[in-house]
Amino acid sequence: MSLDHPRMAREMHTLEAMIGLYCRTQHGSDRQPGVQAGELCADCQEILAYARARLTRCPFQEDKTTCARCPVHCYKPAMRDRIRVIMRYAGPRMLYHHPMLAIRHLLDGRREKPLRPVRKPSSS
């Protein structure tokens, strides 16, 4: 699975924007030595790479709702807590910085929860 579908590409762009906003304001990544403007700190790069991997492997792909409403939790508990902190901070501020992404994300959250994917029995 990949992020080729426009819905999945937008979801990834929203994640990148939220993590970038959080990193700039909370970690001062633009002011850290050795970090150029627009780059993320090491912690935020780690969470972004993890989120990208999880989104790529999402079983619902373009039919998905937001991760908070998803019946399948792909994130490990520690990473889920970290991304939840980021989203709580960046979510309301996205209306000022990226209004279209924020509105589309809110609309995506109103989608119906997808049914759990049916696992195919392994042929042994």
PDB file of N, CA and C in Angstrom:
ATOM      1  N   MET A   1       0.843  -1.172   0.000  1.00  0.00           N
ATOM      2  CA  MET A   1       0.000   0.000   0.000  1.00  0.00           C
ATOM      3  C   MET A   1       0.891   1.238   0.000  1.00  0.00           C
ATOM      4  N   SER A   2       0.343   2.319  -0.483  1.00  0.00           N
ATOM      5  CA  SER A   2       1.173   3.519  -0.585  1.00  0.00           C
ATOM      6  C   SER A   2       0.334   4.766  -0.344  1.00  0.00           C
ATOM      7  N   LEU A   3       0.997   5.894  -0.500  1.00  0.00           N
ATOM      8  CA  LEU A   3       0.336   7.180  -0.313  1.00  0.00           C
ATOM      9  C   LEU A   3       0.022   7.832  -1.653  1.00  0.00           C
ATOM     10  N   ASP A   4      -0.217   7.024  -2.693  1.00  0.00           N
ATOM     11  CA  ASP A   4      -0.467   7.548  -4.035  1.00  0.00           C
ATOM     12  C   ASP A   4      -1.848   8.177  -4.176  1.00  0.00           C
ATOM     13  N   HIS A   5      -2.814   7.684  -3.446  1.00  0.00           N
ATOM     14  CA  HIS A   5      -4.176   8.212  -3.546  1.00  0.00           C
ATOM     15  C   HIS A   5      -4.204   9.638  -2.982  1.00  0.00           C
ATOM     16  N   PRO A   6      -4.934  10.560  -3.627  1.00  0.00           N
ATOM     17  CA  PRO A   6      -4.973  11.956  -3.148  1.00  0.00           C
ATOM     18  C   PRO A   6      -5.424  12.082  -1.688  1.00  0.00           C
ATOM     19  N   ARG A   7      -6.329  11.239  -1.243  1.00  0.00           N
ATOM     20  CA  ARG A   7      -6.806  11.278   0.140  1.00  0.00           C
ATOM     21  C   ARG A   7      -5.667  10.942   1.105  1.00  0.00           C
ATOM     22  N   MET A   8      -4.866   9.953   0.758  1.00  0.00           N
ATOM     23  CA  MET A   8      -3.751   9.550   1.623  1.00  0.00           C
ATOM     24  C   MET A   8      -2.622  10.581   1.569  1.00  0.00           C
ATOM     25  N   ALA A   9      -2.390  11.169   0.409  1.00  0.00           N
ATOM     26  CA  ALA A   9      -1.365  12.218   0.298  1.00  0.00           C
ATOM     27  C   ALA A   9      -1.760  13.430   1.140  1.00  0.00           C
ATOM     28  N   ARG A  10      -3.049  13.767   1.142  1.00  0.00           N
ATOM     29  CA  ARG A  10      -3.517  14.891   1.957  1.00  0.00           C
ATOM     30  C   ARG A  10      -3.387  14.573   3.442  1.00  0.00           C
ATOM     31  N   GLU A  11      -3.675  13.350   3.820  1.00  0.00           N
ATOM     32  CA  GLU A  11      -3.528  12.932   5.218  1.00  0.00           C
ATOM     33  C   GLU A  11      -2.066  13.063   5.658  1.00  0.00           C
ATOM     34  N   MET A  12      -1.157  12.674   4.783  1.00  0.00           N
ATOM     35  CA  MET A  12       0.267  12.789   5.116  1.00  0.00           C
ATOM     36  C   MET A  12       0.682  14.253   5.192  1.00  0.00           C
ATOM     37  N   HIS A  13       0.186  15.066   4.285  1.00  0.00           N
ATOM     38  CA  HIS A  13       0.502  16.499   4.293  1.00  0.00           C
ATOM     39  C   HIS A  13      -0.019  17.152   5.582  1.00  0.00           C
ATOM     40  N   THR A  14      -1.186  16.746   6.032  1.00  0.00           N
ATOM     41  CA  THR A  14      -1.760  17.268   7.278  1.00  0.00           C
ATOM     42  C   THR A  14      -0.887  16.874   8.467  1.00  0.00           C
ATOM     43  N   LEU A  15      -0.461  15.621   8.496  1.00  0.00           N
ATOM     44  CA  LEU A  15       0.430  15.166   9.570  1.00  0.00           C
ATOM     45  C   LEU A  15       1.730  15.973   9.584  1.00  0.00           C
ATOM     46  N   GLU A  16       2.323  16.153   8.419  1.00  0.00           N
ATOM     47  CA  GLU A  16       3.569  16.920   8.325  1.00  0.00           C
ATOM     48  C   GLU A  16       3.379  18.348   8.811  1.00  0.00           C
ATOM     49  N   ALA A  17       2.252  18.960   8.436  1.00  0.00           N
ATOM     50  CA  ALA A  17       1.976  20.338   8.852  1.00  0.00           C
ATOM     51  C   ALA A  17       1.789  20.425  10.364  1.00  0.00           C
ATOM     52  N   MET A  18       1.064  19.483  10.941  1.00  0.00           N
ATOM     53  CA  MET A  18       0.827  19.494  12.384  1.00  0.00           C
ATOM     54  C   MET A  18       2.121  19.287  13.169  1.00  0.00           C
ATOM     55  N   ILE A  19       2.916  18.323  12.747  1.00  0.00           N
ATOM     56  CA  ILE A  19       4.168  18.051  13.441  1.00  0.00           C
ATOM     57  C   ILE A  19       5.122  19.224  13.267  1.00  0.00           C
ATOM     58  N   GLY A  20       5.158  19.829  12.081  1.00  0.00           N
ATOM     59  CA  GLY A  20       6.012  20.990  11.845  1.00  0.00           C
ATOM     60  C   GLY A  20       5.622  22.172  12.706  1.00  0.00           C
ATOM     61  N   LEU A  21       4.332  22.428  12.817  1.00  0.00           N
ATOM     62  CA  LEU A  21       3.840  23.524  13.659  1.00  0.00           C
ATOM     63  C   LEU A  21       4.195  23.281  15.120  1.00  0.00           C
ATOM     64  N   TYR A  22       3.991  22.068  15.582  1.00  0.00           N
ATOM     65  CA  TYR A  22       4.312  21.717  16.965  1.00  0.00           C
ATOM     66  C   TYR A  22       5.813  21.873  17.234  1.00  0.00           C
ATOM     67  N   CYS A  23       6.634  21.369  16.338  1.00  0.00           N
ATOM     68  CA  CYS A  23       8.083  21.404  16.528  1.00  0.00           C
ATOM     69  C   CYS A  23       8.606  22.838  16.545  1.00  0.00           C
ATOM     70  N   ARG A  24       8.126  23.664  15.636  1.00  0.00           N
ATOM     71  CA  ARG A  24       8.589  25.058  15.584  1.00  0.00           C
ATOM     72  C   ARG A  24       8.269  25.809  16.865  1.00  0.00           C
ATOM     73  N   THR A  25       7.060  25.618  17.377  1.00  0.00           N
ATOM     74  CA  THR A  25       6.638  26.413  18.532  1.00  0.00           C
ATOM     75  C   THR A  25       7.036  25.792  19.862  1.00  0.00           C
ATOM     76  N   GLN A  26       6.991  24.476  19.979  1.00  0.00           N
ATOM     77  CA  GLN A  26       7.286  23.830  21.259  1.00  0.00           C
ATOM     78  C   GLN A  26       8.768  23.515  21.450  1.00  0.00           C
ATOM     79  N   HIS A  27       9.439  23.141  20.382  1.00  0.00           N
ATOM     80  CA  HIS A  27      10.853  22.775  20.488  1.00  0.00           C
ATOM     81  C   HIS A  27      11.772  23.872  19.973  1.00  0.00           C
ATOM     82  N   GLY A  28      11.207  24.901  19.385  1.00  0.00           N
ATOM     83  CA  GLY A  28      12.027  25.982  18.843  1.00  0.00           C
ATOM     84  C   GLY A  28      13.023  25.477  17.816  1.00  0.00           C
ATOM     85  N   SER A  29      12.564  24.557  16.953  1.00  0.00           N
ATOM     86  CA  SER A  29      13.483  23.921  16.004  1.00  0.00           C
ATOM     87  C   SER A  29      14.159  24.927  15.081  1.00  0.00           C
ATOM     88  N   ASP A  30      13.519  26.069  14.821  1.00  0.00           N
ATOM     89  CA  ASP A  30      14.147  27.076  13.958  1.00  0.00           C
ATOM     90  C   ASP A  30      15.306  27.775  14.660  1.00  0.00           C
ATOM     91  N   ARG A  31      15.331  27.683  16.000  1.00  0.00           N
ATOM     92  CA  ARG A  31      16.374  28.374  16.756  1.00  0.00           C
ATOM     93  C   ARG A  31      17.456  27.440  17.275  1.00  0.00           C
ATOM     94  N   GLN A  32      17.321  26.138  17.045  1.00  0.00           N
ATOM     95  CA  GLN A  32      18.303  25.185  17.548  1.00  0.00           C
ATOM     96  C   GLN A  32      19.548  25.205  16.672  1.00  0.00           C
ATOM     97  N   PRO A  33      20.731  25.099  17.289  1.00  0.00           N
ATOM     98  CA  PRO A  33      21.957  25.052  16.483  1.00  0.00           C
ATOM     99  C   PRO A  33      22.002  23.779  15.642  1.00  0.00           C
ATOM    100  N   GLY A  34      22.415  23.920  14.414  1.00  0.00           N
ATOM    101  CA  GLY A  34      22.533  22.786  13.509  1.00  0.00           C
ATOM    102  C   GLY A  34      21.241  22.405  12.821  1.00  0.00           C
ATOM    103  N   VAL A  35      20.144  23.066  13.144  1.00  0.00           N
ATOM    104  CA  VAL A  35      18.853  22.786  12.508  1.00  0.00           C
ATOM    105  C   VAL A  35      18.486  23.990  11.660  1.00  0.00           C
ATOM    106  N   GLN A  36      18.316  23.756  10.366  1.00  0.00           N
ATOM    107  CA  GLN A  36      17.973  24.850   9.463  1.00  0.00           C
ATOM    108  C   GLN A  36      16.486  25.167   9.564  1.00  0.00           C
ATOM    109  N   ALA A  37      16.129  26.355   9.125  1.00  0.00           N
ATOM    110  CA  ALA A  37      14.730  26.793   9.151  1.00  0.00           C
ATOM    111  C   ALA A  37      13.872  25.804   8.367  1.00  0.00           C
ATOM    112  N   GLY A  38      12.759  25.443   8.941  1.00  0.00           N
ATOM    113  CA  GLY A  38      11.843  24.523   8.277  1.00  0.00           C
ATOM    114  C   GLY A  38      12.111  23.059   8.568  1.00  0.00           C
ATOM    115  N   GLU A  39      13.237  22.739   9.191  1.00  0.00           N
ATOM    116  CA  GLU A  39      13.545  21.358   9.531  1.00  0.00           C
ATOM    117  C   GLU A  39      12.989  21.019  10.896  1.00  0.00           C
ATOM    118  N   LEU A  40      12.777  19.739  11.130  1.00  0.00           N
ATOM    119  CA  LEU A  40      12.275  19.263  12.409  1.00  0.00           C
ATOM    120  C   LEU A  40      13.437  18.830  13.298  1.00  0.00           C
ATOM    121  N   CYS A  41      13.205  18.876  14.604  1.00  0.00           N
ATOM    122  CA  CYS A  41      14.202  18.353  15.544  1.00  0.00           C
ATOM    123  C   CYS A  41      14.213  16.824  15.415  1.00  0.00           C
ATOM    124  N   ALA A  42      15.162  16.185  16.055  1.00  0.00           N
ATOM    125  CA  ALA A  42      15.316  14.732  15.946  1.00  0.00           C
ATOM    126  C   ALA A  42      14.090  13.989  16.469  1.00  0.00           C
ATOM    127  N   ASP A  43      13.515  14.446  17.585  1.00  0.00           N
ATOM    128  CA  ASP A  43      12.334  13.783  18.144  1.00  0.00           C
ATOM    129  C   ASP A  43      11.154  13.849  17.183  1.00  0.00           C
ATOM    130  N   CYS A  44      10.942  15.006  16.602  1.00  0.00           N
ATOM    131  CA  CYS A  44       9.818  15.171  15.684  1.00  0.00           C
ATOM    132  C   CYS A  44      10.060  14.451  14.359  1.00  0.00           C
ATOM    133  N   GLN A  45      11.303  14.353  13.922  1.00  0.00           N
ATOM    134  CA  GLN A  45      11.614  13.570  12.730  1.00  0.00           C
ATOM    135  C   GLN A  45      11.280  12.100  12.968  1.00  0.00           C
ATOM    136  N   GLU A  46      11.558  11.632  14.192  1.00  0.00           N
ATOM    137  CA  GLU A  46      11.268  10.244  14.543  1.00  0.00           C
ATOM    138  C   GLU A  46       9.760   9.973  14.514  1.00  0.00           C
ATOM    139  N   ILE A  47       8.984  10.854  15.109  1.00  0.00           N
ATOM    140  CA  ILE A  47       7.535  10.640  15.131  1.00  0.00           C
ATOM    141  C   ILE A  47       6.942  10.765  13.728  1.00  0.00           C
ATOM    142  N   LEU A  48       7.481  11.658  12.906  1.00  0.00           N
ATOM    143  CA  LEU A  48       6.993  11.797  11.536  1.00  0.00           C
ATOM    144  C   LEU A  48       7.298  10.539  10.718  1.00  0.00           C
ATOM    145  N   ALA A  49       8.493   9.991  10.861  1.00  0.00           N
ATOM    146  CA  ALA A  49       8.852   8.770  10.146  1.00  0.00           C
ATOM    147  C   ALA A  49       7.954   7.611  10.585  1.00  0.00           C
ATOM    148  N   TYR A  50       7.690   7.527  11.880  1.00  0.00           N
ATOM    149  CA  TYR A  50       6.815   6.481  12.409  1.00  0.00           C
ATOM    150  C   TYR A  50       5.391   6.649  11.867  1.00  0.00           C
ATOM    151  N   ALA A  51       4.878   7.876  11.902  1.00  0.00           N
ATOM    152  CA  ALA A  51       3.524   8.142  11.413  1.00  0.00           C
ATOM    153  C   ALA A  51       3.415   7.845   9.922  1.00  0.00           C
ATOM    154  N   ARG A  52       4.439   8.182   9.165  1.00  0.00           N
ATOM    155  CA  ARG A  52       4.437   7.911   7.725  1.00  0.00           C
ATOM    156  C   ARG A  52       4.378   6.399   7.471  1.00  0.00           C
ATOM    157  N   ALA A  53       5.157   5.642   8.236  1.00  0.00           N
ATOM    158  CA  ALA A  53       5.154   4.189   8.080  1.00  0.00           C
ATOM    159  C   ALA A  53       3.793   3.603   8.435  1.00  0.00           C
ATOM    160  N   ARG A  54       3.190   4.085   9.500  1.00  0.00           N
ATOM    161  CA  ARG A  54       1.866   3.596   9.918  1.00  0.00           C
ATOM    162  C   ARG A  54       0.809   3.940   8.874  1.00  0.00           C
ATOM    163  N   LEU A  55       0.858   5.153   8.354  1.00  0.00           N
ATOM    164  CA  LEU A  55      -0.125   5.584   7.360  1.00  0.00           C
ATOM    165  C   LEU A  55       0.021   4.771   6.073  1.00  0.00           C
ATOM    166  N   THR A  56       1.238   4.467   5.699  1.00  0.00           N
ATOM    167  CA  THR A  56       1.487   3.665   4.506  1.00  0.00           C
ATOM    168  C   THR A  56       0.893   2.269   4.642  1.00  0.00           C
ATOM    169  N   ARG A  57       0.915   1.734   5.848  1.00  0.00           N
ATOM    170  CA  ARG A  57       0.417   0.379   6.086  1.00  0.00           C
ATOM    171  C   ARG A  57      -1.039   0.334   6.539  1.00  0.00           C
ATOM    172  N   CYS A  58      -1.724   1.452   6.520  1.00  0.00           N
ATOM    173  CA  CYS A  58      -3.116   1.501   6.980  1.00  0.00           C
ATOM    174  C   CYS A  58      -3.970   0.547   6.140  1.00  0.00           C
ATOM    175  N   PRO A  59      -4.726  -0.340   6.793  1.00  0.00           N
ATOM    176  CA  PRO A  59      -5.527  -1.299   6.029  1.00  0.00           C
ATOM    177  C   PRO A  59      -6.723  -0.659   5.313  1.00  0.00           C
ATOM    178  N   PHE A  60      -7.116   0.550   5.696  1.00  0.00           N
ATOM    179  CA  PHE A  60      -8.289   1.185   5.112  1.00  0.00           C
ATOM    180  C   PHE A  60      -7.943   2.121   3.955  1.00  0.00           C
ATOM    181  N   GLN A  61      -6.736   2.646   3.945  1.00  0.00           N
ATOM    182  CA  GLN A  61      -6.250   3.570   2.925  1.00  0.00           C
ATOM    183  C   GLN A  61      -7.245   4.705   2.678  1.00  0.00           C
ATOM    184  N   GLU A  62      -7.690   4.910   1.436  1.00  0.00           N
ATOM    185  CA  GLU A  62      -8.497   6.097   1.134  1.00  0.00           C
ATOM    186  C   GLU A  62      -9.888   6.072   1.762  1.00  0.00           C
ATOM    187  N   ASP A  63     -10.318   4.939   2.297  1.00  0.00           N
ATOM    188  CA  ASP A  63     -11.630   4.848   2.948  1.00  0.00           C
ATOM    189  C   ASP A  63     -11.559   5.166   4.435  1.00  0.00           C
ATOM    190  N   LYS A  64     -10.386   5.510   4.935  1.00  0.00           N
ATOM    191  CA  LYS A  64     -10.205   5.690   6.375  1.00  0.00           C
ATOM    192  C   LYS A  64     -10.818   6.984   6.888  1.00  0.00           C
ATOM    193  N   THR A  65     -11.120   6.971   8.160  1.00  0.00           N
ATOM    194  CA  THR A  65     -11.505   8.169   8.873  1.00  0.00           C
ATOM    195  C   THR A  65     -10.220   8.708   9.507  1.00  0.00           C
ATOM    196  N   THR A  66     -10.306   9.627  10.425  1.00  0.00           N
ATOM    197  CA  THR A  66      -9.092  10.063  11.114  1.00  0.00           C
ATOM    198  C   THR A  66      -8.642   8.946  12.053  1.00  0.00           C
ATOM    199  N   CYS A  67      -7.382   8.932  12.389  1.00  0.00           N
ATOM    200  CA  CYS A  67      -6.823   7.865  13.224  1.00  0.00           C
ATOM    201  C   CYS A  67      -7.494   7.802  14.596  1.00  0.00           C
ATOM    202  N   ALA A  68      -7.926   8.936  15.119  1.00  0.00           N
ATOM    203  CA  ALA A  68      -8.571   8.954  16.430  1.00  0.00           C
ATOM    204  C   ALA A  68      -9.879   8.159  16.435  1.00  0.00           C
ATOM    205  N   ARG A  69     -10.551   8.080  15.307  1.00  0.00           N
ATOM    206  CA  ARG A  69     -11.832   7.366  15.213  1.00  0.00           C
ATOM    207  C   ARG A  69     -11.699   5.980  14.594  1.00  0.00           C
ATOM    208  N   CYS A  70     -10.513   5.576  14.264  1.00  0.00           N
ATOM    209  CA  CYS A  70     -10.292   4.310  13.571  1.00  0.00           C
ATOM    210  C   CYS A  70     -10.499   3.120  14.513  1.00  0.00           C
ATOM    211  N   PRO A  71     -11.122   2.037  14.042  1.00  0.00           N
ATOM    212  CA  PRO A  71     -11.310   0.852  14.889  1.00  0.00           C
ATOM    213  C   PRO A  71     -10.016   0.055  15.087  1.00  0.00           C
ATOM    214  N   VAL A  72      -9.012   0.278  14.248  1.00  0.00           N
ATOM    215  CA  VAL A  72      -7.732  -0.413  14.360  1.00  0.00           C
ATOM    216  C   VAL A  72      -6.688   0.613  14.789  1.00  0.00           C
ATOM    217  N   HIS A  73      -6.032   0.371  15.909  1.00  0.00           N
ATOM    218  CA  HIS A  73      -5.010   1.303  16.376  1.00  0.00           C
ATOM    219  C   HIS A  73      -3.637   0.773  15.977  1.00  0.00           C
ATOM    220  N   CYS A  74      -3.044   1.441  14.994  1.00  0.00           N
ATOM    221  CA  CYS A  74      -1.770   1.014  14.428  1.00  0.00           C
ATOM    222  C   CYS A  74      -0.571   1.454  15.264  1.00  0.00           C
ATOM    223  N   TYR A  75      -0.736   2.516  16.028  1.00  0.00           N
ATOM    224  CA  TYR A  75       0.374   3.101  16.771  1.00  0.00           C
ATOM    225  C   TYR A  75       0.621   2.334  18.069  1.00  0.00           C
ATOM    226  N   LYS A  76       1.897   2.197  18.437  1.00  0.00           N
ATOM    227  CA  LYS A  76       2.240   1.664  19.750  1.00  0.00           C
ATOM    228  C   LYS A  76       1.750   2.669  20.789  1.00  0.00           C
ATOM    229  N   PRO A  77       1.425   2.224  21.994  1.00  0.00           N
ATOM    230  CA  PRO A  77       0.868   3.148  22.995  1.00  0.00           C
ATOM    231  C   PRO A  77       1.721   4.391  23.251  1.00  0.00           C
ATOM    232  N   ALA A  78       3.034   4.247  23.345  1.00  0.00           N
ATOM    233  CA  ALA A  78       3.899   5.408  23.610  1.00  0.00           C
ATOM    234  C   ALA A  78       3.850   6.399  22.454  1.00  0.00           C
ATOM    235  N   MET A  79       3.891   5.901  21.238  1.00  0.00           N
ATOM    236  CA  MET A  79       3.838   6.775  20.069  1.00  0.00           C
ATOM    237  C   MET A  79       2.442   7.379  19.919  1.00  0.00           C
ATOM    238  N   ARG A  80       1.445   6.639  20.291  1.00  0.00           N
ATOM    239  CA  ARG A  80       0.077   7.157  20.221  1.00  0.00           C
ATOM    240  C   ARG A  80      -0.085   8.339  21.180  1.00  0.00           C
ATOM    241  N   ASP A  81       0.496   8.222  22.351  1.00  0.00           N
ATOM    242  CA  ASP A  81       0.451   9.334  23.309  1.00  0.00           C
ATOM    243  C   ASP A  81       1.187  10.554  22.773  1.00  0.00           C
ATOM    244  N   ARG A  82       2.338  10.327  22.142  1.00  0.00           N
ATOM    245  CA  ARG A  82       3.119  11.440  21.588  1.00  0.00           C
ATOM    246  C   ARG A  82       2.361  12.152  20.472  1.00  0.00           C
ATOM    247  N   ILE A  83       1.764  11.394  19.570  1.00  0.00           N
ATOM    248  CA  ILE A  83       1.047  12.021  18.449  1.00  0.00           C
ATOM    249  C   ILE A  83      -0.216  12.704  18.953  1.00  0.00           C
ATOM    250  N   ARG A  84      -0.826  12.158  20.007  1.00  0.00           N
ATOM    251  CA  ARG A  84      -2.017  12.784  20.581  1.00  0.00           C
ATOM    252  C   ARG A  84      -1.671  14.161  21.154  1.00  0.00           C
ATOM    253  N   VAL A  85      -0.524  14.284  21.821  1.00  0.00           N
ATOM    254  CA  VAL A  85      -0.079  15.579  22.358  1.00  0.00           C
ATOM    255  C   VAL A  85       0.134  16.568  21.217  1.00  0.00           C
ATOM    256  N   ILE A  86       0.765  16.110  20.156  1.00  0.00           N
ATOM    257  CA  ILE A  86       1.023  16.968  19.003  1.00  0.00           C
ATOM    258  C   ILE A  86      -0.297  17.440  18.389  1.00  0.00           C
ATOM    259  N   MET A  87      -1.225  16.525  18.208  1.00  0.00           N
ATOM    260  CA  MET A  87      -2.501  16.877  17.573  1.00  0.00           C
ATOM    261  C   MET A  87      -3.332  17.812  18.454  1.00  0.00           C
ATOM    262  N   ARG A  88      -3.298  17.586  19.762  1.00  0.00           N
ATOM    263  CA  ARG A  88      -4.043  18.477  20.660  1.00  0.00           C
ATOM    264  C   ARG A  88      -3.516  19.896  20.602  1.00  0.00           C
ATOM    265  N   TYR A  89      -2.199  20.029  20.466  1.00  0.00           N
ATOM    266  CA  TYR A  89      -1.601  21.357  20.390  1.00  0.00           C
ATOM    267  C   TYR A  89      -1.844  21.974  19.010  1.00  0.00           C
ATOM    268  N   ALA A  90      -1.509  21.225  17.966  1.00  0.00           N
ATOM    269  CA  ALA A  90      -1.501  21.785  16.612  1.00  0.00           C
ATOM    270  C   ALA A  90      -2.892  21.875  15.988  1.00  0.00           C
ATOM    271  N   GLY A  91      -3.809  20.998  16.373  1.00  0.00           N
ATOM    272  CA  GLY A  91      -5.130  20.966  15.755  1.00  0.00           C
ATOM    273  C   GLY A  91      -5.832  22.313  15.706  1.00  0.00           C
ATOM    274  N   PRO A  92      -6.053  22.959  16.858  1.00  0.00           N
ATOM    275  CA  PRO A  92      -6.736  24.259  16.826  1.00  0.00           C
ATOM    276  C   PRO A  92      -5.939  25.337  16.085  1.00  0.00           C
ATOM    277  N   ARG A  93      -4.631  25.280  16.145  1.00  0.00           N
ATOM    278  CA  ARG A  93      -3.788  26.287  15.493  1.00  0.00           C
ATOM    279  C   ARG A  93      -3.719  26.103  13.991  1.00  0.00           C
ATOM    280  N   MET A  94      -4.103  24.918  13.521  1.00  0.00           N
ATOM    281  CA  MET A  94      -4.098  24.651  12.081  1.00  0.00           C
ATOM    282  C   MET A  94      -5.096  25.552  11.351  1.00  0.00           C
ATOM    283  N   LEU A  95      -6.146  25.966  12.027  1.00  0.00           N
ATOM    284  CA  LEU A  95      -7.123  26.855  11.387  1.00  0.00           C
ATOM    285  C   LEU A  95      -6.485  28.165  10.952  1.00  0.00           C
ATOM    286  N   TYR A  96      -5.483  28.630  11.674  1.00  0.00           N
ATOM    287  CA  TYR A  96      -4.795  29.877  11.319  1.00  0.00           C
ATOM    288  C   TYR A  96      -3.680  29.647  10.304  1.00  0.00           C
ATOM    289  N   HIS A  97      -2.961  28.554  10.455  1.00  0.00           N
ATOM    290  CA  HIS A  97      -1.782  28.318   9.616  1.00  0.00           C
ATOM    291  C   HIS A  97      -2.085  27.566   8.320  1.00  0.00           C
ATOM    292  N   HIS A  98      -2.994  26.610   8.389  1.00  0.00           N
ATOM    293  CA  HIS A  98      -3.364  25.793   7.223  1.00  0.00           C
ATOM    294  C   HIS A  98      -4.877  25.566   7.249  1.00  0.00           C
ATOM    295  N   PRO A  99      -5.675  26.598   6.979  1.00  0.00           N
ATOM    296  CA  PRO A  99      -7.130  26.468   7.155  1.00  0.00           C
ATOM    297  C   PRO A  99      -7.777  25.379   6.291  1.00  0.00           C
ATOM    298  N   MET A 100      -7.350  25.222   5.062  1.00  0.00           N
ATOM    299  CA  MET A 100      -7.975  24.211   4.194  1.00  0.00           C
ATOM    300  C   MET A 100      -7.673  22.800   4.692  1.00  0.00           C
ATOM    301  N   LEU A 101      -6.424  22.567   5.096  1.00  0.00           N
ATOM    302  CA  LEU A 101      -6.081  21.247   5.635  1.00  0.00           C
ATOM    303  C   LEU A 101      -6.880  20.971   6.901  1.00  0.00           C
ATOM    304  N   ALA A 102      -7.024  21.974   7.755  1.00  0.00           N
ATOM    305  CA  ALA A 102      -7.750  21.795   9.009  1.00  0.00           C
ATOM    306  C   ALA A 102      -9.218  21.465   8.745  1.00  0.00           C
ATOM    307  N   ILE A 103      -9.838  22.168   7.837  1.00  0.00           N
ATOM    308  CA  ILE A 103     -11.250  21.923   7.539  1.00  0.00           C
ATOM    309  C   ILE A 103     -11.436  20.543   6.920  1.00  0.00           C
ATOM    310  N   ARG A 104     -10.567  20.180   5.996  1.00  0.00           N
ATOM    311  CA  ARG A 104     -10.669  18.851   5.370  1.00  0.00           C
ATOM    312  C   ARG A 104     -10.454  17.753   6.401  1.00  0.00           C
ATOM    313  N   HIS A 105      -9.520  17.986   7.350  1.00  0.00           N
ATOM    314  CA  HIS A 105      -9.272  17.006   8.411  1.00  0.00           C
ATOM    315  C   HIS A 105     -10.511  16.858   9.309  1.00  0.00           C
ATOM    316  N   LEU A 106     -11.160  17.974   9.618  1.00  0.00           N
ATOM    317  CA  LEU A 106     -12.391  17.911  10.413  1.00  0.00           C
ATOM    318  C   LEU A 106     -13.479  17.138   9.668  1.00  0.00           C
ATOM    319  N   LEU A 107     -13.592  17.358   8.376  1.00  0.00           N
ATOM    320  CA  LEU A 107     -14.586  16.629   7.573  1.00  0.00           C
ATOM    321  C   LEU A 107     -14.248  15.144   7.499  1.00  0.00           C
ATOM    322  N   ASP A 108     -12.972  14.825   7.375  1.00  0.00           N
ATOM    323  CA  ASP A 108     -12.560  13.417   7.355  1.00  0.00           C
ATOM    324  C   ASP A 108     -12.928  12.730   8.662  1.00  0.00           C
ATOM    325  N   GLY A 109     -12.846  13.471   9.760  1.00  0.00           N
ATOM    326  CA  GLY A 109     -13.194  12.920  11.058  1.00  0.00           C
ATOM    327  C   GLY A 109     -14.674  12.615  11.198  1.00  0.00           C
ATOM    328  N   ARG A 110     -15.482  13.187  10.343  1.00  0.00           N
ATOM    329  CA  ARG A 110     -16.929  12.937  10.378  1.00  0.00           C
ATOM    330  C   ARG A 110     -17.336  11.746   9.526  1.00  0.00           C
ATOM    331  N   ARG A 111     -16.375  11.174   8.806  1.00  0.00           N
ATOM    332  CA  ARG A 111     -16.678   9.991   8.001  1.00  0.00           C
ATOM    333  C   ARG A 111     -17.108   8.853   8.923  1.00  0.00           C
ATOM    334  N   GLU A 112     -17.845   7.913   8.367  1.00  0.00           N
ATOM    335  CA  GLU A 112     -18.234   6.745   9.150  1.00  0.00           C
ATOM    336  C   GLU A 112     -17.003   5.899   9.412  1.00  0.00           C
ATOM    337  N   LYS A 113     -17.006   5.273  10.577  1.00  0.00           N
ATOM    338  CA  LYS A 113     -15.902   4.367  10.885  1.00  0.00           C
ATOM    339  C   LYS A 113     -15.953   3.205   9.905  1.00  0.00           C
ATOM    340  N   PRO A 114     -14.821   2.862   9.302  1.00  0.00           N
ATOM    341  CA  PRO A 114     -14.827   1.716   8.398  1.00  0.00           C
ATOM    342  C   PRO A 114     -14.923   0.419   9.195  1.00  0.00           C
ATOM    343  N   LEU A 115     -15.441  -0.596   8.569  1.00  0.00           N
ATOM    344  CA  LEU A 115     -15.491  -1.902   9.213  1.00  0.00           C
ATOM    345  C   LEU A 115     -14.084  -2.471   9.277  1.00  0.00           C
ATOM    346  N   ARG A 116     -13.849  -3.272  10.279  1.00  0.00           N
ATOM    347  CA  ARG A 116     -12.536  -3.899  10.384  1.00  0.00           C
ATOM    348  C   ARG A 116     -12.283  -4.757   9.130  1.00  0.00           C
ATOM    349  N   PRO A 117     -11.053  -4.709   8.621  1.00  0.00           N
ATOM    350  CA  PRO A 117     -10.772  -5.538   7.447  1.00  0.00           C
ATOM    351  C   PRO A 117     -10.840  -7.025   7.813  1.00  0.00           C
ATOM    352  N   VAL A 118     -11.333  -7.804   6.894  1.00  0.00           N
ATOM    353  CA  VAL A 118     -11.444  -9.244   7.114  1.00  0.00           C
ATOM    354  C   VAL A 118     -10.107  -9.866   6.781  1.00  0.00           C
ATOM    355  N   ARG A 119      -9.589 -10.632   7.733  1.00  0.00           N
ATOM    356  CA  ARG A 119      -8.316 -11.326   7.494  1.00  0.00           C
ATOM    357  C   ARG A 119      -8.586 -12.608   6.706  1.00  0.00           C
ATOM    358  N   LYS A 120      -7.760 -12.814   5.710  1.00  0.00           N
ATOM    359  CA  LYS A 120      -7.885 -14.034   4.929  1.00  0.00           C
ATOM    360  C   LYS A 120      -7.201 -15.152   5.705  1.00  0.00           C
ATOM    361  N   PRO A 121      -7.837 -16.312   5.766  1.00  0.00           N
ATOM    362  CA  PRO A 121      -7.196 -17.415   6.500  1.00  0.00           C
ATOM    363  C   PRO A 121      -5.926 -17.842   5.785  1.00  0.00           C
ATOM    364  N   SER A 122      -4.906 -18.111   6.571  1.00  0.00           N
ATOM    365  CA  SER A 122      -3.638 -18.528   5.954  1.00  0.00           C
ATOM    366  C   SER A 122      -3.761 -19.959   5.470  1.00  0.00           C
ATOM    367  N   SER A 123      -3.202 -20.188   4.317  1.00  0.00           N
ATOM    368  CA  SER A 123      -3.270 -21.530   3.726  1.00  0.00           C
ATOM    369  C   SER A 123      -1.998 -22.283   4.093  1.00  0.00           C
ATOM    370  N   SER A 124      -2.125 -23.175   5.060  1.00  0.00           N
ATOM    371  CA  SER A 124      -0.963 -23.957   5.503  1.00  0.00           C
ATOM    372  C   SER A 124      -1.177 -25.405   5.255  1.00  0.00           C
TER     373      SER A 124
END
